[in-house]
Amino acid sequence: MAKILYYFYISLIIICVMILSTDCTLFSRQRQGITELDALMPLPSGTTVVEFHSNQISNISDDYFDHVASTLSGIHLEGNWMEIITTLMFQNLIHVRFLHLQNNRIHTIHPYSFKNMTAMTELALSNNQLRSIPECILDLVDQPPMLRISISNNPIVCDMMLCYLLPGQREWLMVSSSVICSGPADLEGRTLDSLTTNDICTGDEPGIVQQPIS
């Protein structure tokens, strides 16, 4: 039996090398009670996909992913205890295609948290505590690929800050269905995809939200 397993793993490695499979460089630490990602748990060089879901992670060092930024293509962080996404946590991960942050406790996403994540096509934020999704998180590239955002099961307030998420405002943006407004009072209970620019957008140019000058 041991010899069979040995040859199986050797064959698997050879196949991975031949087809350059990203699965060859998966780094997985699931359900291990991890609370923080920092220098005490370094990622191996060349890592392409990380799986840290179903832990208790509440903090990630700002430079944690920097040394694998040239190879990293996917991040699983769903099912943790994260509350805040900082500006530098994921910035400049230019090859990451998917970022799974659903089922956390996220209530704040700092502006430009996903800056220069030019390859991202899937951003999962469902089942958190978000009341708004800052438009500036979409400042990924000038001509982005199709980007799918999942934001269902958040206490979303459907005001002008979400105008850019309405159907037709971004041809390259797909928002998950069944996003239910928790406010304001006159829109409570309605789904985001049922709203029009007349419901929540103001100003001369719908879909463009001016950020306050600090």
N, C-alpha and C. Protein backbone atom coordinates (compact mmCIF):
# COMPACT_ATOMS: atom_id res chain seq x y z
N MET A 1 0.82 -1.21 0.00
CA MET A 1 0.00 0.00 0.00
C MET A 1 0.86 1.26 0.00
N ALA A 2 1.92 1.24 0.83
CA ALA A 2 2.81 2.39 0.92
C ALA A 2 3.48 2.66 -0.43
N LYS A 3 3.88 1.58 -1.11
CA LYS A 3 4.53 1.75 -2.41
C LYS A 3 3.56 2.33 -3.44
N ILE A 4 2.31 1.92 -3.38
CA ILE A 4 1.30 2.45 -4.30
C ILE A 4 1.12 3.95 -4.08
N LEU A 5 1.02 4.36 -2.80
CA LEU A 5 0.88 5.78 -2.49
C LEU A 5 2.10 6.57 -2.93
N TYR A 6 3.28 5.97 -2.76
CA TYR A 6 4.52 6.64 -3.17
C TYR A 6 4.50 6.94 -4.66
N TYR A 7 4.19 5.93 -5.46
CA TYR A 7 4.16 6.13 -6.90
C TYR A 7 3.03 7.06 -7.33
N PHE A 8 1.94 7.04 -6.56
CA PHE A 8 0.83 7.95 -6.88
C PHE A 8 1.27 9.40 -6.72
N TYR A 9 1.94 9.71 -5.59
CA TYR A 9 2.38 11.08 -5.35
C TYR A 9 3.47 11.50 -6.33
N ILE A 10 4.36 10.59 -6.67
CA ILE A 10 5.38 10.91 -7.67
C ILE A 10 4.73 11.25 -9.00
N SER A 11 3.75 10.44 -9.39
CA SER A 11 3.05 10.69 -10.64
C SER A 11 2.32 12.02 -10.61
N LEU A 12 1.71 12.33 -9.46
CA LEU A 12 0.99 13.59 -9.32
C LEU A 12 1.92 14.78 -9.47
N ILE A 13 3.10 14.69 -8.86
CA ILE A 13 4.08 15.77 -8.97
C ILE A 13 4.52 15.96 -10.41
N ILE A 14 4.77 14.86 -11.11
CA ILE A 14 5.19 14.94 -12.51
C ILE A 14 4.11 15.59 -13.36
N ILE A 15 2.87 15.20 -13.14
CA ILE A 15 1.76 15.78 -13.90
C ILE A 15 1.65 17.28 -13.63
N CYS A 16 1.80 17.66 -12.36
CA CYS A 16 1.72 19.08 -12.00
C CYS A 16 2.79 19.90 -12.71
N VAL A 17 3.99 19.37 -12.71
CA VAL A 17 5.09 20.07 -13.37
C VAL A 17 4.83 20.19 -14.87
N MET A 18 4.29 19.13 -15.46
CA MET A 18 4.06 19.13 -16.91
C MET A 18 3.01 20.14 -17.33
N ILE A 19 1.95 20.27 -16.53
CA ILE A 19 0.85 21.17 -16.94
C ILE A 19 0.90 22.49 -16.18
N LEU A 20 1.93 22.66 -15.35
CA LEU A 20 2.09 23.90 -14.58
C LEU A 20 0.85 24.20 -13.77
N SER A 21 0.31 23.21 -13.13
CA SER A 21 -0.92 23.36 -12.35
C SER A 21 -0.66 24.22 -11.13
N THR A 22 -1.60 25.15 -10.85
CA THR A 22 -1.48 25.99 -9.67
C THR A 22 -1.69 25.18 -8.40
N ASP A 23 -2.35 24.01 -8.50
CA ASP A 23 -2.60 23.20 -7.32
C ASP A 23 -1.30 22.66 -6.72
N CYS A 24 -0.22 22.70 -7.46
CA CYS A 24 1.05 22.20 -6.96
C CYS A 24 1.59 23.07 -5.83
N THR A 25 1.15 24.32 -5.75
CA THR A 25 1.68 25.25 -4.78
C THR A 25 0.57 25.78 -3.88
N LEU A 26 -0.33 24.92 -3.51
CA LEU A 26 -1.39 25.25 -2.57
C LEU A 26 -0.84 25.21 -1.15
N PHE A 27 -1.14 26.26 -0.36
CA PHE A 27 -0.76 26.30 1.05
C PHE A 27 -2.06 26.32 1.86
N SER A 28 -2.32 25.25 2.59
CA SER A 28 -3.61 25.10 3.27
C SER A 28 -3.44 24.90 4.77
N ARG A 29 -4.14 25.75 5.53
CA ARG A 29 -4.19 25.62 6.98
C ARG A 29 -5.63 25.92 7.41
N GLN A 30 -6.49 24.92 7.34
CA GLN A 30 -7.90 25.08 7.64
C GLN A 30 -8.24 24.53 9.02
N ARG A 31 -9.18 25.21 9.69
CA ARG A 31 -9.73 24.71 10.95
C ARG A 31 -8.63 24.37 11.97
N GLN A 32 -7.70 25.29 12.15
CA GLN A 32 -6.61 25.05 13.09
C GLN A 32 -6.56 26.08 14.21
N GLY A 33 -7.59 26.89 14.32
CA GLY A 33 -7.64 27.87 15.40
C GLY A 33 -6.66 29.01 15.25
N ILE A 34 -6.18 29.27 14.04
CA ILE A 34 -5.22 30.35 13.79
C ILE A 34 -5.91 31.70 14.02
N THR A 35 -5.25 32.60 14.74
CA THR A 35 -5.85 33.89 15.06
C THR A 35 -5.20 35.07 14.33
N GLU A 36 -3.97 34.86 13.81
CA GLU A 36 -3.25 35.96 13.18
C GLU A 36 -2.31 35.42 12.11
N LEU A 37 -2.17 36.19 11.03
CA LEU A 37 -1.20 35.85 9.99
C LEU A 37 -0.08 36.87 10.03
N ASP A 38 1.11 36.41 10.39
CA ASP A 38 2.26 37.30 10.48
C ASP A 38 3.52 36.50 10.18
N ALA A 39 4.67 37.05 10.53
CA ALA A 39 5.95 36.43 10.20
C ALA A 39 6.13 35.06 10.85
N LEU A 40 5.34 34.73 11.87
CA LEU A 40 5.46 33.43 12.53
C LEU A 40 4.88 32.30 11.70
N MET A 41 4.12 32.66 10.64
CA MET A 41 3.58 31.65 9.74
C MET A 41 3.85 32.07 8.30
N PRO A 42 5.10 32.00 7.87
CA PRO A 42 5.46 32.48 6.52
C PRO A 42 4.92 31.56 5.43
N LEU A 43 4.62 32.16 4.29
CA LEU A 43 4.17 31.39 3.13
C LEU A 43 5.39 30.93 2.34
N PRO A 44 5.39 29.71 1.84
CA PRO A 44 6.51 29.24 1.02
C PRO A 44 6.62 30.05 -0.26
N SER A 45 7.82 30.27 -0.72
CA SER A 45 8.03 30.97 -1.98
C SER A 45 7.35 30.21 -3.11
N GLY A 46 6.72 30.95 -4.00
CA GLY A 46 6.05 30.33 -5.13
C GLY A 46 4.61 29.93 -4.87
N THR A 47 4.10 30.19 -3.67
CA THR A 47 2.71 29.85 -3.35
C THR A 47 1.75 30.56 -4.31
N THR A 48 0.79 29.82 -4.82
CA THR A 48 -0.19 30.41 -5.74
C THR A 48 -1.58 30.54 -5.13
N VAL A 49 -1.96 29.60 -4.27
CA VAL A 49 -3.27 29.66 -3.62
C VAL A 49 -3.10 29.39 -2.13
N VAL A 50 -3.75 30.21 -1.29
CA VAL A 50 -3.71 29.99 0.16
C VAL A 50 -5.12 29.70 0.65
N GLU A 51 -5.22 28.76 1.59
CA GLU A 51 -6.49 28.40 2.20
C GLU A 51 -6.37 28.53 3.72
N PHE A 52 -6.96 29.58 4.26
CA PHE A 52 -6.98 29.79 5.71
C PHE A 52 -8.41 29.85 6.23
N HIS A 53 -9.34 29.26 5.50
CA HIS A 53 -10.73 29.42 5.92
C HIS A 53 -11.06 28.58 7.16
N SER A 54 -12.10 29.02 7.86
CA SER A 54 -12.60 28.33 9.06
C SER A 54 -11.57 28.30 10.18
N ASN A 55 -10.90 29.43 10.38
CA ASN A 55 -10.04 29.63 11.54
C ASN A 55 -10.65 30.72 12.42
N GLN A 56 -9.83 31.45 13.15
CA GLN A 56 -10.29 32.56 14.00
C GLN A 56 -9.46 33.80 13.72
N ILE A 57 -9.04 33.96 12.48
CA ILE A 57 -8.14 35.04 12.10
C ILE A 57 -8.85 36.39 12.20
N SER A 58 -8.25 37.29 12.96
CA SER A 58 -8.79 38.65 13.11
C SER A 58 -7.81 39.71 12.64
N ASN A 59 -6.55 39.30 12.41
CA ASN A 59 -5.54 40.28 12.00
C ASN A 59 -4.56 39.66 11.00
N ILE A 60 -4.20 40.45 10.00
CA ILE A 60 -3.21 40.04 9.00
C ILE A 60 -2.20 41.17 8.86
N SER A 61 -0.92 40.85 9.02
CA SER A 61 0.12 41.87 8.87
C SER A 61 0.05 42.49 7.48
N ASP A 62 0.28 43.79 7.41
CA ASP A 62 0.15 44.50 6.14
C ASP A 62 1.06 43.95 5.05
N ASP A 63 2.21 43.41 5.43
CA ASP A 63 3.17 42.91 4.44
C ASP A 63 3.16 41.39 4.33
N TYR A 64 2.13 40.74 4.86
CA TYR A 64 2.14 39.29 4.95
C TYR A 64 2.27 38.61 3.59
N PHE A 65 1.56 39.12 2.57
CA PHE A 65 1.55 38.48 1.26
C PHE A 65 2.61 39.03 0.30
N ASP A 66 3.39 40.00 0.74
CA ASP A 66 4.29 40.70 -0.18
C ASP A 66 5.27 39.79 -0.89
N HIS A 67 5.86 38.83 -0.19
CA HIS A 67 6.94 38.03 -0.80
C HIS A 67 6.41 36.98 -1.76
N VAL A 68 5.08 36.79 -1.82
CA VAL A 68 4.50 35.86 -2.82
C VAL A 68 3.59 36.62 -3.79
N ALA A 69 3.71 37.93 -3.82
CA ALA A 69 2.83 38.75 -4.67
C ALA A 69 2.99 38.41 -6.15
N SER A 70 4.17 37.95 -6.55
CA SER A 70 4.42 37.67 -7.97
C SER A 70 3.80 36.35 -8.43
N THR A 71 3.39 35.49 -7.48
CA THR A 71 2.83 34.18 -7.85
C THR A 71 1.42 33.94 -7.33
N LEU A 72 1.00 34.66 -6.30
CA LEU A 72 -0.28 34.39 -5.65
C LEU A 72 -1.44 34.71 -6.57
N SER A 73 -2.37 33.74 -6.72
CA SER A 73 -3.52 33.94 -7.61
C SER A 73 -4.86 33.77 -6.91
N GLY A 74 -4.88 33.23 -5.69
CA GLY A 74 -6.14 33.04 -5.00
C GLY A 74 -5.99 33.02 -3.50
N ILE A 75 -6.98 33.61 -2.79
CA ILE A 75 -6.92 33.70 -1.33
C ILE A 75 -8.26 33.28 -0.74
N HIS A 76 -8.22 32.26 0.13
CA HIS A 76 -9.41 31.81 0.88
C HIS A 76 -9.26 32.26 2.33
N LEU A 77 -10.11 33.20 2.75
CA LEU A 77 -10.12 33.65 4.14
C LEU A 77 -11.53 33.64 4.71
N GLU A 78 -12.43 32.89 4.06
CA GLU A 78 -13.81 32.86 4.53
C GLU A 78 -13.92 32.13 5.87
N GLY A 79 -14.93 32.51 6.65
CA GLY A 79 -15.18 31.82 7.91
C GLY A 79 -14.19 32.15 9.00
N ASN A 80 -13.76 33.41 9.07
CA ASN A 80 -12.85 33.84 10.13
C ASN A 80 -13.49 34.95 10.96
N TRP A 81 -12.67 35.70 11.71
CA TRP A 81 -13.18 36.73 12.62
C TRP A 81 -12.73 38.13 12.20
N MET A 82 -12.45 38.32 10.94
CA MET A 82 -11.94 39.61 10.47
C MET A 82 -13.03 40.69 10.55
N GLU A 83 -12.65 41.89 10.98
CA GLU A 83 -13.59 43.00 11.11
C GLU A 83 -13.25 44.18 10.22
N ILE A 84 -11.95 44.40 9.99
CA ILE A 84 -11.50 45.56 9.22
C ILE A 84 -10.53 45.11 8.13
N ILE A 85 -10.74 45.63 6.91
CA ILE A 85 -9.80 45.41 5.82
C ILE A 85 -8.97 46.69 5.69
N THR A 86 -7.70 46.60 6.00
CA THR A 86 -6.84 47.79 5.99
C THR A 86 -6.38 48.12 4.57
N THR A 87 -5.84 49.30 4.42
CA THR A 87 -5.41 49.77 3.11
C THR A 87 -4.31 48.91 2.52
N LEU A 88 -3.41 48.40 3.33
CA LEU A 88 -2.23 47.70 2.83
C LEU A 88 -2.35 46.17 2.88
N MET A 89 -3.41 45.65 3.42
CA MET A 89 -3.53 44.21 3.65
C MET A 89 -3.40 43.40 2.36
N PHE A 90 -4.08 43.86 1.28
CA PHE A 90 -4.07 43.12 0.02
C PHE A 90 -3.55 43.95 -1.15
N GLN A 91 -3.09 45.14 -0.90
CA GLN A 91 -2.72 46.05 -1.97
C GLN A 91 -1.56 45.49 -2.81
N ASN A 92 -1.67 45.71 -4.12
CA ASN A 92 -0.61 45.35 -5.08
C ASN A 92 -0.45 43.86 -5.31
N LEU A 93 -1.46 43.06 -4.99
CA LEU A 93 -1.42 41.63 -5.34
C LEU A 93 -1.96 41.50 -6.76
N ILE A 94 -1.11 41.79 -7.72
CA ILE A 94 -1.56 42.02 -9.09
C ILE A 94 -1.99 40.75 -9.83
N HIS A 95 -1.68 39.57 -9.27
CA HIS A 95 -2.04 38.33 -9.96
C HIS A 95 -3.22 37.60 -9.29
N VAL A 96 -3.71 38.11 -8.19
CA VAL A 96 -4.81 37.44 -7.49
C VAL A 96 -6.10 37.57 -8.29
N ARG A 97 -6.71 36.41 -8.59
CA ARG A 97 -7.95 36.38 -9.37
C ARG A 97 -9.19 36.31 -8.48
N PHE A 98 -9.08 35.68 -7.32
CA PHE A 98 -10.23 35.62 -6.43
C PHE A 98 -9.82 35.86 -4.99
N LEU A 99 -10.70 36.56 -4.27
CA LEU A 99 -10.47 36.87 -2.85
C LEU A 99 -11.76 36.56 -2.11
N HIS A 100 -11.74 35.53 -1.27
CA HIS A 100 -12.92 35.07 -0.56
C HIS A 100 -12.87 35.55 0.89
N LEU A 101 -13.76 36.49 1.22
CA LEU A 101 -13.82 37.07 2.56
C LEU A 101 -15.20 36.91 3.18
N GLN A 102 -16.02 36.04 2.61
CA GLN A 102 -17.37 35.87 3.13
C GLN A 102 -17.36 35.20 4.51
N ASN A 103 -18.47 35.36 5.22
CA ASN A 103 -18.63 34.73 6.54
C ASN A 103 -17.57 35.17 7.54
N ASN A 104 -17.27 36.46 7.53
CA ASN A 104 -16.42 37.06 8.56
C ASN A 104 -17.27 38.02 9.38
N ARG A 105 -16.65 39.05 9.95
CA ARG A 105 -17.36 40.06 10.74
C ARG A 105 -17.01 41.45 10.21
N ILE A 106 -16.71 41.54 8.95
CA ILE A 106 -16.19 42.77 8.35
C ILE A 106 -17.24 43.88 8.36
N HIS A 107 -16.89 45.00 8.96
CA HIS A 107 -17.77 46.17 8.96
C HIS A 107 -17.13 47.38 8.29
N THR A 108 -15.81 47.31 8.05
CA THR A 108 -15.11 48.44 7.46
C THR A 108 -14.11 47.98 6.41
N ILE A 109 -14.19 48.59 5.24
CA ILE A 109 -13.19 48.39 4.19
C ILE A 109 -12.56 49.75 3.90
N HIS A 110 -11.30 49.89 4.18
CA HIS A 110 -10.64 51.17 3.98
C HIS A 110 -10.51 51.48 2.48
N PRO A 111 -10.52 52.76 2.13
CA PRO A 111 -10.37 53.15 0.72
C PRO A 111 -9.11 52.55 0.11
N TYR A 112 -9.24 52.12 -1.13
CA TYR A 112 -8.12 51.61 -1.92
C TYR A 112 -7.52 50.32 -1.35
N SER A 113 -8.31 49.56 -0.59
CA SER A 113 -7.82 48.31 -0.02
C SER A 113 -7.41 47.31 -1.09
N PHE A 114 -8.03 47.40 -2.27
CA PHE A 114 -7.74 46.44 -3.34
C PHE A 114 -7.05 47.10 -4.53
N LYS A 115 -6.35 48.17 -4.26
CA LYS A 115 -5.67 48.91 -5.32
C LYS A 115 -4.67 48.02 -6.05
N ASN A 116 -4.68 48.13 -7.37
CA ASN A 116 -3.75 47.42 -8.26
C ASN A 116 -3.94 45.91 -8.28
N MET A 117 -5.07 45.42 -7.77
CA MET A 117 -5.36 43.99 -7.92
C MET A 117 -5.98 43.80 -9.30
N THR A 118 -5.13 43.96 -10.30
CA THR A 118 -5.57 44.11 -11.68
C THR A 118 -6.15 42.85 -12.31
N ALA A 119 -5.92 41.68 -11.70
CA ALA A 119 -6.41 40.43 -12.28
C ALA A 119 -7.68 39.91 -11.60
N MET A 120 -8.15 40.59 -10.55
CA MET A 120 -9.24 40.05 -9.75
C MET A 120 -10.55 40.00 -10.53
N THR A 121 -11.19 38.84 -10.52
CA THR A 121 -12.49 38.66 -11.18
C THR A 121 -13.57 38.26 -10.20
N GLU A 122 -13.21 37.94 -8.96
CA GLU A 122 -14.21 37.53 -7.97
C GLU A 122 -13.85 38.05 -6.59
N LEU A 123 -14.78 38.82 -6.00
CA LEU A 123 -14.60 39.36 -4.66
C LEU A 123 -15.82 38.96 -3.83
N ALA A 124 -15.63 38.07 -2.86
CA ALA A 124 -16.74 37.54 -2.07
C ALA A 124 -16.77 38.21 -0.70
N LEU A 125 -17.86 38.95 -0.44
CA LEU A 125 -18.02 39.69 0.82
C LEU A 125 -19.34 39.38 1.52
N SER A 126 -20.02 38.33 1.09
CA SER A 126 -21.32 38.00 1.67
C SER A 126 -21.19 37.62 3.16
N ASN A 127 -22.32 37.80 3.87
CA ASN A 127 -22.39 37.39 5.27
C ASN A 127 -21.35 38.08 6.14
N ASN A 128 -21.32 39.40 6.05
CA ASN A 128 -20.50 40.22 6.92
C ASN A 128 -21.38 41.28 7.58
N GLN A 129 -20.78 42.38 8.03
CA GLN A 129 -21.52 43.44 8.71
C GLN A 129 -21.39 44.77 7.97
N LEU A 130 -21.28 44.70 6.65
CA LEU A 130 -21.07 45.90 5.85
C LEU A 130 -22.37 46.66 5.63
N ARG A 131 -22.32 47.95 5.90
CA ARG A 131 -23.48 48.82 5.62
C ARG A 131 -23.30 49.56 4.30
N SER A 132 -22.06 49.62 3.83
CA SER A 132 -21.78 50.29 2.56
C SER A 132 -20.54 49.67 1.94
N ILE A 133 -20.43 49.78 0.62
CA ILE A 133 -19.27 49.28 -0.11
C ILE A 133 -18.65 50.48 -0.81
N PRO A 134 -17.52 51.00 -0.34
CA PRO A 134 -16.92 52.20 -0.95
C PRO A 134 -16.63 52.00 -2.43
N GLU A 135 -17.01 52.97 -3.25
CA GLU A 135 -16.77 52.85 -4.69
C GLU A 135 -15.29 52.73 -5.01
N CYS A 136 -14.45 53.34 -4.19
CA CYS A 136 -13.03 53.35 -4.48
C CYS A 136 -12.39 51.97 -4.39
N ILE A 137 -13.09 50.97 -3.84
CA ILE A 137 -12.50 49.63 -3.84
C ILE A 137 -12.43 49.08 -5.26
N LEU A 138 -13.15 49.70 -6.19
CA LEU A 138 -13.12 49.23 -7.57
C LEU A 138 -12.02 49.88 -8.39
N ASP A 139 -11.21 50.72 -7.77
CA ASP A 139 -10.11 51.36 -8.48
C ASP A 139 -8.99 50.35 -8.68
N LEU A 140 -9.28 49.31 -9.44
CA LEU A 140 -8.30 48.24 -9.66
C LEU A 140 -7.43 48.56 -10.86
N VAL A 141 -8.07 48.79 -11.99
CA VAL A 141 -7.35 49.10 -13.23
C VAL A 141 -8.23 50.01 -14.06
N ASP A 142 -7.65 50.64 -15.09
CA ASP A 142 -8.42 51.51 -15.97
C ASP A 142 -9.42 50.72 -16.80
N GLN A 143 -9.04 49.53 -17.24
CA GLN A 143 -9.93 48.69 -18.02
C GLN A 143 -9.97 47.30 -17.37
N PRO A 144 -10.80 47.15 -16.32
CA PRO A 144 -10.80 45.91 -15.56
C PRO A 144 -11.45 44.77 -16.32
N PRO A 145 -11.15 43.52 -15.93
CA PRO A 145 -11.87 42.38 -16.47
C PRO A 145 -13.27 42.35 -15.85
N MET A 146 -14.08 41.38 -16.23
CA MET A 146 -15.37 41.24 -15.59
C MET A 146 -15.16 40.91 -14.11
N LEU A 147 -15.76 41.69 -13.24
CA LEU A 147 -15.59 41.52 -11.80
C LEU A 147 -16.92 41.17 -11.17
N ARG A 148 -16.97 40.05 -10.45
CA ARG A 148 -18.18 39.64 -9.74
C ARG A 148 -18.00 39.91 -8.26
N ILE A 149 -18.94 40.66 -7.68
CA ILE A 149 -18.92 40.97 -6.26
C ILE A 149 -20.12 40.33 -5.59
N SER A 150 -19.88 39.58 -4.52
CA SER A 150 -20.96 38.98 -3.74
C SER A 150 -21.08 39.74 -2.42
N ILE A 151 -22.22 40.38 -2.20
CA ILE A 151 -22.41 41.19 -0.99
C ILE A 151 -23.74 40.89 -0.29
N SER A 152 -24.36 39.76 -0.61
CA SER A 152 -25.64 39.44 0.03
C SER A 152 -25.44 39.18 1.52
N ASN A 153 -26.56 39.30 2.27
CA ASN A 153 -26.55 39.08 3.72
C ASN A 153 -25.59 40.01 4.45
N ASN A 154 -25.64 41.28 4.06
CA ASN A 154 -25.01 42.36 4.79
C ASN A 154 -26.10 43.40 5.08
N PRO A 155 -25.98 44.18 6.16
CA PRO A 155 -26.98 45.23 6.46
C PRO A 155 -26.77 46.47 5.59
N ILE A 156 -26.86 46.29 4.26
CA ILE A 156 -26.54 47.34 3.31
C ILE A 156 -27.56 48.47 3.36
N VAL A 157 -27.07 49.71 3.44
CA VAL A 157 -27.91 50.90 3.33
C VAL A 157 -27.87 51.36 1.88
N CYS A 158 -29.01 51.35 1.23
CA CYS A 158 -29.07 51.66 -0.21
C CYS A 158 -29.24 53.17 -0.41
N ASP A 159 -28.12 53.88 -0.37
CA ASP A 159 -28.14 55.32 -0.63
C ASP A 159 -27.25 55.62 -1.82
N MET A 160 -26.95 56.89 -2.05
CA MET A 160 -26.21 57.28 -3.25
C MET A 160 -24.81 56.69 -3.30
N MET A 161 -24.29 56.27 -2.16
CA MET A 161 -22.96 55.67 -2.13
C MET A 161 -22.92 54.33 -2.86
N LEU A 162 -24.10 53.74 -3.09
CA LEU A 162 -24.15 52.47 -3.80
C LEU A 162 -24.67 52.63 -5.23
N CYS A 163 -24.78 53.85 -5.68
CA CYS A 163 -25.31 54.08 -7.03
C CYS A 163 -24.50 53.35 -8.09
N TYR A 164 -23.20 53.26 -7.89
CA TYR A 164 -22.34 52.63 -8.88
C TYR A 164 -22.58 51.13 -9.02
N LEU A 165 -23.29 50.52 -8.05
CA LEU A 165 -23.56 49.09 -8.09
C LEU A 165 -24.86 48.74 -8.83
N LEU A 166 -25.64 49.74 -9.20
CA LEU A 166 -26.90 49.47 -9.88
C LEU A 166 -26.65 48.87 -11.27
N PRO A 167 -27.58 48.05 -11.74
CA PRO A 167 -27.43 47.46 -13.08
C PRO A 167 -27.22 48.53 -14.14
N GLY A 168 -26.23 48.32 -15.00
CA GLY A 168 -25.97 49.23 -16.11
C GLY A 168 -24.96 50.32 -15.82
N GLN A 169 -24.58 50.50 -14.55
CA GLN A 169 -23.63 51.55 -14.21
C GLN A 169 -22.19 51.15 -14.54
N ARG A 170 -21.88 49.87 -14.45
CA ARG A 170 -20.55 49.36 -14.80
C ARG A 170 -20.76 48.10 -15.64
N GLU A 171 -20.46 48.17 -16.91
CA GLU A 171 -20.69 47.01 -17.78
C GLU A 171 -19.84 45.81 -17.36
N TRP A 172 -18.72 46.07 -16.73
CA TRP A 172 -17.80 45.00 -16.36
C TRP A 172 -18.04 44.47 -14.94
N LEU A 173 -19.10 44.97 -14.28
CA LEU A 173 -19.36 44.61 -12.90
C LEU A 173 -20.62 43.78 -12.77
N MET A 174 -20.52 42.62 -12.10
CA MET A 174 -21.67 41.78 -11.80
C MET A 174 -21.84 41.71 -10.28
N VAL A 175 -23.00 42.15 -9.79
CA VAL A 175 -23.28 42.13 -8.36
C VAL A 175 -24.21 40.97 -8.07
N SER A 176 -23.93 40.24 -7.00
CA SER A 176 -24.75 39.10 -6.64
C SER A 176 -26.20 39.52 -6.44
N SER A 177 -27.11 38.66 -6.83
CA SER A 177 -28.53 38.96 -6.66
C SER A 177 -28.92 38.80 -5.19
N SER A 178 -30.13 39.20 -4.87
CA SER A 178 -30.69 39.06 -3.52
C SER A 178 -29.97 39.92 -2.49
N VAL A 179 -29.46 41.08 -2.91
CA VAL A 179 -28.93 42.04 -1.95
C VAL A 179 -30.11 42.87 -1.46
N ILE A 180 -30.44 42.76 -0.18
CA ILE A 180 -31.63 43.40 0.37
C ILE A 180 -31.23 44.63 1.17
N CYS A 181 -31.90 45.74 0.90
CA CYS A 181 -31.60 47.00 1.57
C CYS A 181 -32.10 46.96 3.01
N SER A 182 -31.24 47.38 3.94
CA SER A 182 -31.65 47.50 5.34
C SER A 182 -32.11 48.92 5.65
N GLY A 183 -31.92 49.82 4.72
CA GLY A 183 -32.32 51.21 4.87
C GLY A 183 -31.97 51.95 3.60
N PRO A 184 -32.39 53.22 3.49
CA PRO A 184 -33.24 53.98 4.42
C PRO A 184 -34.65 53.42 4.50
N ALA A 185 -35.47 54.03 5.34
CA ALA A 185 -36.78 53.46 5.66
C ALA A 185 -37.64 53.23 4.44
N ASP A 186 -37.58 54.16 3.46
CA ASP A 186 -38.47 54.01 2.30
C ASP A 186 -38.01 52.94 1.32
N LEU A 187 -36.79 52.43 1.49
CA LEU A 187 -36.27 51.38 0.61
C LEU A 187 -36.03 50.06 1.36
N GLU A 188 -36.29 50.07 2.64
CA GLU A 188 -36.02 48.87 3.44
C GLU A 188 -36.79 47.66 2.91
N GLY A 189 -36.06 46.57 2.73
CA GLY A 189 -36.67 45.33 2.25
C GLY A 189 -36.63 45.16 0.74
N ARG A 190 -36.30 46.21 0.01
CA ARG A 190 -36.21 46.09 -1.44
C ARG A 190 -34.85 45.51 -1.83
N THR A 191 -34.80 44.85 -2.97
CA THR A 191 -33.54 44.30 -3.45
C THR A 191 -32.79 45.37 -4.25
N LEU A 192 -31.48 45.31 -4.20
CA LEU A 192 -30.67 46.31 -4.89
C LEU A 192 -30.93 46.30 -6.39
N ASP A 193 -31.11 45.10 -6.96
CA ASP A 193 -31.29 45.04 -8.41
C ASP A 193 -32.67 45.51 -8.87
N SER A 194 -33.56 45.83 -7.92
CA SER A 194 -34.86 46.37 -8.29
C SER A 194 -34.86 47.90 -8.31
N LEU A 195 -33.77 48.51 -7.84
CA LEU A 195 -33.69 49.97 -7.76
C LEU A 195 -33.21 50.57 -9.07
N THR A 196 -33.54 51.82 -9.28
CA THR A 196 -33.07 52.57 -10.44
C THR A 196 -32.27 53.77 -9.95
N THR A 197 -31.65 54.46 -10.88
CA THR A 197 -30.88 55.65 -10.51
C THR A 197 -31.77 56.70 -9.88
N ASN A 198 -33.05 56.72 -10.22
CA ASN A 198 -33.98 57.69 -9.63
C ASN A 198 -34.22 57.42 -8.14
N ASP A 199 -34.01 56.17 -7.72
CA ASP A 199 -34.24 55.81 -6.33
C ASP A 199 -33.13 56.27 -5.40
N ILE A 200 -31.89 56.16 -5.85
CA ILE A 200 -30.79 56.44 -4.91
C ILE A 200 -29.72 57.37 -5.45
N CYS A 201 -29.70 57.66 -6.74
CA CYS A 201 -28.60 58.46 -7.30
C CYS A 201 -28.98 59.93 -7.35
N THR A 202 -28.01 60.77 -7.04
CA THR A 202 -28.19 62.21 -7.12
C THR A 202 -26.99 62.81 -7.82
N GLY A 203 -27.07 64.07 -8.19
CA GLY A 203 -25.95 64.73 -8.86
C GLY A 203 -26.10 64.68 -10.35
N ASP A 204 -25.12 65.29 -11.05
CA ASP A 204 -25.18 65.41 -12.49
C ASP A 204 -24.75 64.16 -13.21
N GLU A 205 -24.02 63.29 -12.55
CA GLU A 205 -23.44 62.13 -13.23
C GLU A 205 -23.68 60.88 -12.41
N PRO A 206 -24.80 60.17 -12.62
CA PRO A 206 -25.11 58.98 -11.84
C PRO A 206 -23.98 57.96 -11.89
N GLY A 207 -23.77 57.33 -10.74
CA GLY A 207 -22.75 56.29 -10.69
C GLY A 207 -21.40 56.80 -10.25
N ILE A 208 -21.23 58.14 -10.23
CA ILE A 208 -19.96 58.71 -9.79
C ILE A 208 -20.18 59.36 -8.43
N VAL A 209 -19.51 58.87 -7.42
CA VAL A 209 -19.66 59.38 -6.07
C VAL A 209 -18.42 60.17 -5.72
N GLN A 210 -18.60 61.44 -5.40
CA GLN A 210 -17.47 62.27 -5.04
C GLN A 210 -17.05 61.95 -3.62
N GLN A 211 -15.77 61.64 -3.43
CA GLN A 211 -15.26 61.36 -2.10
C GLN A 211 -14.97 62.66 -1.36
N PRO A 212 -15.33 62.73 -0.07
CA PRO A 212 -15.07 63.97 0.67
C PRO A 212 -13.59 64.26 0.80
N ILE A 213 -13.24 65.52 0.78
CA ILE A 213 -11.85 65.94 0.91
C ILE A 213 -11.52 66.04 2.40
N SER A 214 -10.50 65.28 2.78
CA SER A 214 -10.14 65.28 4.21
C SER A 214 -9.23 66.46 4.53
